């Protein structure tokens, strides 16, 4: 039985997720999660957390809740690192909140369907 850990995180910085935070998230994930799959979702779009374009497609504005799932041996470690970035406003100089903060909730999912059965909408294809 495979266990997937997930966190529901709230974007706390005033500018949301744009290129610089997206790149920082991807760099952090790639440094930790070599054997772990990271999936991100805003409820409509599902993407690969190791892709900057996926982060930019989430419409991660201030206050937006996102679901970050990690499946693999570094799942807990990568989720804590991502939570830390969210809590520190992606190192933008805004006040950091303690980890974990009230803005995140750890969810343990048993035997999730992975990858999702339905194809996610394409980003930028209007």
C-alpha atoms as a PDB file:
ATOM      1  CA  UNK A   1       0.000   0.000   0.000  1.00  0.00           C
ATOM      2  CA  UNK A   2       1.372   3.385  -1.033  1.00  0.00           C
ATOM      3  CA  UNK A   3       0.914   6.401   1.171  1.00  0.00           C
ATOM      4  CA  UNK A   4       0.772   9.899  -0.225  1.00  0.00           C
ATOM      5  CA  UNK A   5       1.163  12.896   2.048  1.00  0.00           C
ATOM      6  CA  UNK A   6      -0.501  16.158   1.151  1.00  0.00           C
ATOM      7  CA  UNK A   7      -0.782  19.655   2.534  1.00  0.00           C
ATOM      8  CA  UNK A   8      -3.385  22.265   1.867  1.00  0.00           C
ATOM      9  CA  UNK A   9      -1.432  25.521   1.834  1.00  0.00           C
ATOM     10  CA  UNK A  10      -2.540  29.138   1.631  1.00  0.00           C
ATOM     11  CA  UNK A  11      -0.517  31.611  -0.429  1.00  0.00           C
ATOM     12  CA  UNK A  12       0.436  34.260   2.131  1.00  0.00           C
ATOM     13  CA  UNK A  13       2.646  36.740   0.306  1.00  0.00           C
ATOM     14  CA  UNK A  14       1.043  39.820  -1.189  1.00  0.00           C
ATOM     15  CA  UNK A  15       2.187  39.165  -4.781  1.00  0.00           C
ATOM     16  CA  UNK A  16       1.220  35.486  -4.959  1.00  0.00           C
ATOM     17  CA  UNK A  17       3.153  32.903  -6.951  1.00  0.00           C
ATOM     18  CA  UNK A  18       4.919  34.485  -9.910  1.00  0.00           C
ATOM     19  CA  UNK A  19       8.207  33.580 -11.661  1.00  0.00           C
ATOM     20  CA  UNK A  20      10.597  34.115  -8.726  1.00  0.00           C
ATOM     21  CA  UNK A  21       8.583  32.118  -6.134  1.00  0.00           C
ATOM     22  CA  UNK A  22       7.823  29.470  -8.764  1.00  0.00           C
ATOM     23  CA  UNK A  23      11.525  29.044  -9.512  1.00  0.00           C
ATOM     24  CA  UNK A  24      12.352  28.911  -5.789  1.00  0.00           C
ATOM     25  CA  UNK A  25       9.707  26.222  -5.222  1.00  0.00           C
ATOM     26  CA  UNK A  26      10.983  24.109  -8.129  1.00  0.00           C
ATOM     27  CA  UNK A  27      14.624  24.488  -7.036  1.00  0.00           C
ATOM     28  CA  UNK A  28      13.729  23.459  -3.481  1.00  0.00           C
ATOM     29  CA  UNK A  29      11.700  20.459  -4.649  1.00  0.00           C
ATOM     30  CA  UNK A  30      14.393  19.275  -7.071  1.00  0.00           C
ATOM     31  CA  UNK A  31      17.071  19.538  -4.345  1.00  0.00           C
ATOM     32  CA  UNK A  32      15.070  17.310  -1.974  1.00  0.00           C
ATOM     33  CA  UNK A  33      12.644  15.125  -3.892  1.00  0.00           C
ATOM     34  CA  UNK A  34      14.818  13.119  -6.258  1.00  0.00           C
ATOM     35  CA  UNK A  35      12.713   9.959  -5.751  1.00  0.00           C
ATOM     36  CA  UNK A  36       9.426  11.623  -4.853  1.00  0.00           C
ATOM     37  CA  UNK A  37       6.618  12.785  -7.121  1.00  0.00           C
ATOM     38  CA  UNK A  38       5.123  16.181  -6.258  1.00  0.00           C
ATOM     39  CA  UNK A  39       1.703  17.146  -7.601  1.00  0.00           C
ATOM     40  CA  UNK A  40       0.061  20.539  -7.156  1.00  0.00           C
ATOM     41  CA  UNK A  41      -3.581  21.543  -7.601  1.00  0.00           C
ATOM     42  CA  UNK A  42      -5.827  24.566  -7.207  1.00  0.00           C
ATOM     43  CA  UNK A  43      -9.022  22.508  -7.544  1.00  0.00           C
ATOM     44  CA  UNK A  44      -9.240  22.947 -11.310  1.00  0.00           C
ATOM     45  CA  UNK A  45      -5.675  22.533 -12.562  1.00  0.00           C
ATOM     46  CA  UNK A  46      -3.385  19.635 -11.600  1.00  0.00           C
ATOM     47  CA  UNK A  47       0.312  19.895 -12.412  1.00  0.00           C
ATOM     48  CA  UNK A  48       3.802  18.576 -11.764  1.00  0.00           C
ATOM     49  CA  UNK A  49       5.354  20.396  -8.787  1.00  0.00           C
ATOM     50  CA  UNK A  50       8.785  20.066 -10.398  1.00  0.00           C
ATOM     51  CA  UNK A  51       7.693  22.346 -13.275  1.00  0.00           C
ATOM     52  CA  UNK A  52       7.778  26.135 -12.988  1.00  0.00           C
ATOM     53  CA  UNK A  53       5.003  26.383 -15.592  1.00  0.00           C
ATOM     54  CA  UNK A  54       2.745  24.245 -13.413  1.00  0.00           C
ATOM     55  CA  UNK A  55       3.245  26.641 -10.479  1.00  0.00           C
ATOM     56  CA  UNK A  56       2.518  29.636 -12.698  1.00  0.00           C
ATOM     57  CA  UNK A  57      -0.675  28.020 -14.044  1.00  0.00           C
ATOM     58  CA  UNK A  58      -2.174  27.672 -10.556  1.00  0.00           C
ATOM     59  CA  UNK A  59      -3.293  31.302 -10.342  1.00  0.00           C
ATOM     60  CA  UNK A  60      -1.676  31.341  -6.903  1.00  0.00           C
ATOM     61  CA  UNK A  61      -2.798  34.767  -5.757  1.00  0.00           C
ATOM     62  CA  UNK A  62      -2.613  35.957  -2.149  1.00  0.00           C
ATOM     63  CA  UNK A  63      -5.115  33.984  -0.077  1.00  0.00           C
ATOM     64  CA  UNK A  64      -5.490  31.152  -2.616  1.00  0.00           C
ATOM     65  CA  UNK A  65      -5.501  27.615  -1.187  1.00  0.00           C
ATOM     66  CA  UNK A  66      -3.465  24.996  -3.020  1.00  0.00           C
ATOM     67  CA  UNK A  67      -3.109  21.270  -2.476  1.00  0.00           C
ATOM     68  CA  UNK A  68       0.442  19.922  -2.650  1.00  0.00           C
ATOM     69  CA  UNK A  69       0.824  16.127  -2.720  1.00  0.00           C
ATOM     70  CA  UNK A  70       4.080  14.215  -2.366  1.00  0.00           C
ATOM     71  CA  UNK A  71       4.461  10.512  -3.053  1.00  0.00           C
ATOM     72  CA  UNK A  72       7.763   8.838  -2.283  1.00  0.00           C
ATOM     73  CA  UNK A  73      10.509   8.507   0.323  1.00  0.00           C
ATOM     74  CA  UNK A  74      11.130  12.256   0.746  1.00  0.00           C
ATOM     75  CA  UNK A  75       7.428  13.179   0.923  1.00  0.00           C
ATOM     76  CA  UNK A  76       7.431  14.543   4.469  1.00  0.00           C
ATOM     77  CA  UNK A  77      10.699  16.447   4.006  1.00  0.00           C
ATOM     78  CA  UNK A  78       9.662  18.098   0.749  1.00  0.00           C
ATOM     79  CA  UNK A  79       6.249  19.107   2.132  1.00  0.00           C
ATOM     80  CA  UNK A  80       7.894  20.762   5.148  1.00  0.00           C
ATOM     81  CA  UNK A  81      10.296  22.664   2.867  1.00  0.00           C
ATOM     82  CA  UNK A  82       7.415  23.827   0.659  1.00  0.00           C
ATOM     83  CA  UNK A  83       5.409  24.819   3.759  1.00  0.00           C
ATOM     84  CA  UNK A  84       8.367  26.859   4.989  1.00  0.00           C
ATOM     85  CA  UNK A  85       8.538  28.735   1.674  1.00  0.00           C
ATOM     86  CA  UNK A  86       4.797  29.458   1.788  1.00  0.00           C
ATOM     87  CA  UNK A  87       5.038  30.613   5.423  1.00  0.00           C
ATOM     88  CA  UNK A  88       7.950  32.939   4.624  1.00  0.00           C
ATOM     89  CA  UNK A  89       6.245  34.563   1.639  1.00  0.00           C
ATOM     90  CA  UNK A  90       8.725  32.795  -0.675  1.00  0.00           C
ATOM     91  CA  UNK A  91      11.625  34.652   0.981  1.00  0.00           C
ATOM     92  CA  UNK A  92      10.265  37.983  -0.237  1.00  0.00           C
ATOM     93  CA  UNK A  93      11.162  39.767   2.996  1.00  0.00           C
ATOM     94  CA  UNK A  94       7.701  39.377   4.488  1.00  0.00           C
ATOM     95  CA  UNK A  95       7.356  38.091   8.050  1.00  0.00           C
ATOM     96  CA  UNK A  96       7.849  34.336   8.411  1.00  0.00           C
ATOM     97  CA  UNK A  97       5.286  32.287  10.302  1.00  0.00           C
ATOM     98  CA  UNK A  98       6.284  29.258  12.377  1.00  0.00           C
ATOM     99  CA  UNK A  99       6.297  25.881  10.616  1.00  0.00           C
ATOM    100  CA  UNK A 100       3.800  24.361  10.565  1.00  0.00           C
ATOM    101  CA  UNK A 101       1.482  27.333  10.742  1.00  0.00           C
ATOM    102  CA  UNK A 102      -2.279  27.434  10.962  1.00  0.00           C
ATOM    103  CA  UNK A 103      -2.208  27.958   7.201  1.00  0.00           C
ATOM    104  CA  UNK A 104      -1.267  24.350   6.471  1.00  0.00           C
ATOM    105  CA  UNK A 105      -2.806  21.004   7.213  1.00  0.00           C
ATOM    106  CA  UNK A 106      -1.080  17.624   6.706  1.00  0.00           C
ATOM    107  CA  UNK A 107      -3.299  15.057   5.003  1.00  0.00           C
ATOM    108  CA  UNK A 108      -2.446  11.379   4.623  1.00  0.00           C
ATOM    109  CA  UNK A 109      -4.047   9.734   1.613  1.00  0.00           C
ATOM    110  CA  UNK A 110      -4.159   5.944   1.230  1.00  0.00           C
ATOM    111  CA  UNK A 111      -3.789   4.417  -2.248  1.00  0.00           C
ATOM    112  CA  UNK A 112      -4.592   7.545  -4.241  1.00  0.00           C
ATOM    113  CA  UNK A 113      -5.218   7.257  -7.941  1.00  0.00           C
ATOM    114  CA  UNK A 114      -1.917   8.474  -9.283  1.00  0.00           C
ATOM    115  CA  UNK A 115      -1.599  10.164 -11.700  1.00  0.00           C
ATOM    116  CA  UNK A 116      -5.126  11.617 -11.807  1.00  0.00           C
ATOM    117  CA  UNK A 117      -7.481   9.809 -14.193  1.00  0.00           C
ATOM    118  CA  UNK A 118      -8.755  12.929 -15.901  1.00  0.00           C
ATOM    119  CA  UNK A 119      -6.472  15.030 -18.027  1.00  0.00           C
ATOM    120  CA  UNK A 120      -5.841  18.434 -16.425  1.00  0.00           C
ATOM    121  CA  UNK A 121      -6.715  21.544 -18.406  1.00  0.00           C
ATOM    122  CA  UNK A 122      -3.881  22.949 -20.484  1.00  0.00           C
ATOM    123  CA  UNK A 123      -2.278  26.129 -19.204  1.00  0.00           C
ATOM    124  CA  UNK A 124      -2.253  29.130 -21.513  1.00  0.00           C
ATOM    125  CA  UNK A 125      -4.324  27.579 -24.302  1.00  0.00           C
ATOM    126  CA  UNK A 126      -7.254  29.965 -24.501  1.00  0.00           C
END
